[in-house]
Protein backbone atom coordinates (compact mmCIF):
# COMPACT_ATOMS: atom_id res chain seq x y z
CA MET A 1 3.02 -230.02 109.65
CA HIS A 2 5.95 -232.33 109.06
CA PRO A 3 8.63 -230.74 106.77
CA ARG A 4 8.58 -233.64 104.30
CA LEU A 5 4.79 -233.52 104.08
CA LEU A 6 4.93 -229.74 103.52
CA LEU A 7 7.53 -230.17 100.75
CA PHE A 8 5.40 -232.90 99.14
CA ALA A 9 2.29 -230.69 99.30
CA LEU A 10 4.11 -227.73 97.72
CA THR A 11 5.56 -229.93 94.99
CA PHE A 12 2.10 -231.36 94.28
CA VAL A 13 0.54 -227.85 94.02
CA VAL A 14 3.28 -226.61 91.66
CA ALA A 15 3.02 -229.75 89.48
CA LEU A 16 -0.77 -229.42 89.36
CA SER A 17 -0.64 -225.76 88.25
CA VAL A 18 1.98 -226.46 85.55
CA GLY A 19 0.03 -229.47 84.31
CA SER A 20 -3.23 -227.57 84.07
CA SER A 21 -1.74 -224.67 82.10
CA VAL A 22 -0.23 -227.11 79.59
CA ALA A 23 -3.61 -228.85 79.32
CA LEU A 24 -5.38 -225.54 78.63
CA ALA A 25 -2.91 -224.70 75.89
CA GLY A 26 -3.72 -228.08 74.32
CA GLY A 27 -0.33 -228.26 72.70
CA GLY A 28 -1.89 -226.82 69.51
CA ASN A 29 -2.16 -223.41 67.94
CA SER A 30 -4.71 -221.44 69.94
CA GLU A 31 -3.87 -218.17 68.15
CA ASN A 32 -4.61 -219.83 64.82
CA ALA A 33 -7.86 -221.22 66.26
CA LYS A 34 -8.96 -217.70 67.27
CA ALA A 35 -9.04 -216.80 63.58
CA CYS A 36 -12.15 -219.00 63.29
CA GLN A 37 -14.19 -216.99 65.78
CA LYS A 38 -16.94 -214.43 65.10
CA ASN A 39 -18.12 -216.19 61.93
CA ALA A 40 -14.68 -215.83 60.28
CA TRP A 41 -14.70 -219.60 59.77
CA GLN A 42 -17.17 -219.06 56.90
CA ASN A 43 -14.43 -217.43 54.79
CA LEU A 44 -11.62 -219.81 55.71
CA GLN A 45 -10.44 -223.03 54.08
CA SER A 46 -8.17 -225.89 55.07
CA SER A 47 -4.86 -226.42 53.29
CA SER A 48 -6.69 -228.65 50.78
CA GLY A 49 -9.32 -226.00 49.99
CA ALA A 50 -12.05 -227.66 52.05
CA ALA A 51 -14.66 -225.40 53.66
CA PHE A 52 -15.61 -225.81 57.32
CA ALA A 53 -19.11 -226.93 58.29
CA ASP A 54 -19.09 -224.83 61.45
CA GLN A 55 -16.91 -222.83 63.82
CA SER A 56 -16.00 -225.82 65.99
CA GLY A 57 -14.66 -227.73 62.97
CA CYS A 58 -12.48 -224.77 62.04
CA VAL A 59 -11.23 -224.32 65.62
CA SER A 60 -10.46 -228.03 65.93
CA TYR A 61 -8.55 -228.06 62.64
CA ALA A 62 -6.56 -224.93 63.51
CA ALA A 63 -5.85 -225.91 67.13
CA THR A 64 -4.29 -229.19 66.02
CA GLY A 65 -1.82 -227.39 63.76
CA GLY A 66 -3.81 -227.16 60.51
CA THR A 67 -3.02 -224.17 58.30
CA LEU A 68 -5.92 -221.83 57.58
CA PHE A 69 -6.30 -220.03 54.27
CA GLY A 70 -8.47 -216.99 53.57
CA PRO A 71 -8.12 -216.60 49.81
CA GLU A 72 -9.52 -213.52 48.12
CA VAL A 73 -9.61 -212.23 44.55
CA THR A 74 -10.33 -208.59 43.68
CA ALA A 75 -10.90 -207.05 40.26
CA THR A 76 -9.81 -203.50 39.48
CA GLU A 77 -10.66 -201.81 36.20
CA ASN A 78 -7.62 -200.08 34.68
CA GLY A 79 -9.31 -198.32 31.77
CA CYS A 80 -8.64 -198.74 28.09
CA LEU A 81 -5.74 -199.98 26.05
CA VAL A 82 -5.77 -199.15 22.34
CA ASP A 83 -3.77 -201.48 20.18
CA HIS A 84 -3.88 -201.38 16.36
CA HIS A 85 -6.97 -199.17 16.45
CA VAL A 86 -8.89 -201.59 18.68
CA GLY A 87 -9.86 -200.63 22.23
CA PHE A 88 -9.69 -203.10 25.08
CA ASP A 89 -11.03 -202.78 28.63
CA VAL A 90 -8.16 -203.86 30.92
CA TRP A 91 -8.56 -205.27 34.43
CA THR A 92 -6.09 -206.31 37.10
CA LEU A 93 -7.11 -209.35 39.13
CA SER A 94 -5.28 -209.57 42.45
CA ALA A 95 -5.34 -212.89 44.29
CA THR A 96 -4.11 -213.19 47.88
CA GLY A 97 -4.21 -215.76 50.68
CA PHE A 98 -3.33 -218.81 48.59
CA THR A 99 -0.68 -221.49 49.09
CA PRO A 100 2.73 -219.86 48.55
CA ASP A 101 4.76 -220.94 45.52
CA SER A 102 1.95 -223.07 44.07
CA SER A 103 0.53 -223.17 40.57
CA VAL A 104 -2.30 -220.93 39.36
CA THR A 105 -5.43 -222.31 37.71
CA ILE A 106 -8.18 -219.96 36.50
CA ASN A 107 -11.60 -221.49 35.73
CA ASP A 108 -10.05 -224.97 35.69
CA THR A 109 -7.47 -223.90 33.10
CA PRO A 110 -3.90 -224.44 34.35
CA LEU A 111 -1.52 -221.63 33.51
CA PRO A 112 2.12 -222.45 32.67
CA PRO A 113 3.89 -222.70 36.06
CA SER A 114 7.02 -221.17 34.55
CA LEU A 115 5.04 -217.96 33.91
CA TRP A 116 2.25 -218.04 36.51
CA LYS A 117 2.50 -219.08 40.11
CA PHE A 118 1.59 -217.62 43.47
CA ASP A 119 4.52 -215.82 45.07
CA SER A 120 6.06 -216.65 48.46
CA ALA A 121 3.19 -214.74 50.13
CA GLY A 122 0.49 -216.63 48.20
CA SER A 123 -0.35 -213.66 45.93
CA VAL A 124 -0.47 -213.04 42.20
CA ASP A 125 -1.65 -210.22 39.90
CA VAL A 126 -3.07 -211.05 36.47
CA LEU A 127 -4.04 -208.64 33.69
CA PHE A 128 -7.36 -209.54 32.09
CA ILE A 129 -9.01 -208.22 28.92
CA PRO A 130 -12.69 -209.25 28.69
CA ASP A 131 -13.96 -210.62 25.39
CA VAL A 132 -17.46 -209.16 25.70
CA PRO A 133 -18.05 -205.78 27.35
CA GLY A 134 -21.11 -205.42 29.58
CA VAL A 135 -21.29 -209.11 30.49
CA THR A 136 -20.71 -210.22 34.08
CA ILE A 137 -17.64 -212.42 34.28
CA THR A 138 -16.85 -214.83 37.12
CA LEU A 139 -13.34 -216.21 37.46
CA THR A 140 -12.22 -218.78 40.02
CA PHE A 141 -8.57 -218.94 41.05
CA THR A 142 -7.35 -222.27 42.46
CA ASP A 143 -3.87 -223.01 43.75
CA GLY A 144 -1.99 -226.29 43.44
CA GLU A 145 -3.41 -227.57 46.72
CA GLY A 146 -7.07 -226.77 45.98
CA VAL A 147 -7.46 -223.49 47.90
CA HIS A 148 -9.81 -221.36 45.79
CA ALA A 149 -11.68 -218.05 45.54
CA SER A 150 -13.87 -216.40 42.91
CA VAL A 151 -14.53 -212.87 41.73
CA SER A 152 -17.34 -211.50 39.56
CA PHE A 153 -17.16 -208.20 37.70
CA THR A 154 -18.87 -206.41 34.84
CA PRO A 155 -16.75 -204.35 32.45
CA THR A 156 -18.38 -200.94 32.01
CA THR A 157 -15.78 -198.92 30.16
CA VAL A 158 -16.45 -198.38 26.47
CA CYS A 159 -13.11 -198.20 24.74
CA ASN A 160 -13.29 -195.99 21.67
CA THR A 161 -10.49 -195.92 19.18
């Protein structure tokens, strides 16, 4: 084979292999897109709080650089607090996976941003004292961008004074 032809052929093969690996990467965020697999897309939201219709929508959004959010709120009963001879059942609500440094809204009620906002990790803890013991309560946390999650819990502790 002629040396120039051999050099051209080698250059073509190298260029083809580099080009195909870039094409497979897609220039997006394939690691982020993997978070959508195995039905995980059902618990994820876009940066505006929108749910995904299916896995492929989630993968497409994530692979093109979209930020995925997996917000979660948990309720932990802390027992009783007695104040002025009245007993209160106290709960801690922990919210994680929200937009960092954004405002907190609970059940469509904005909380003062100077007092309540998600931290730099997208988390916040809120103390909650239920008005009516024994009733199931559902609270929905929403951040300033629309990412949201709900928690339901039923206070069971009877606080005697």
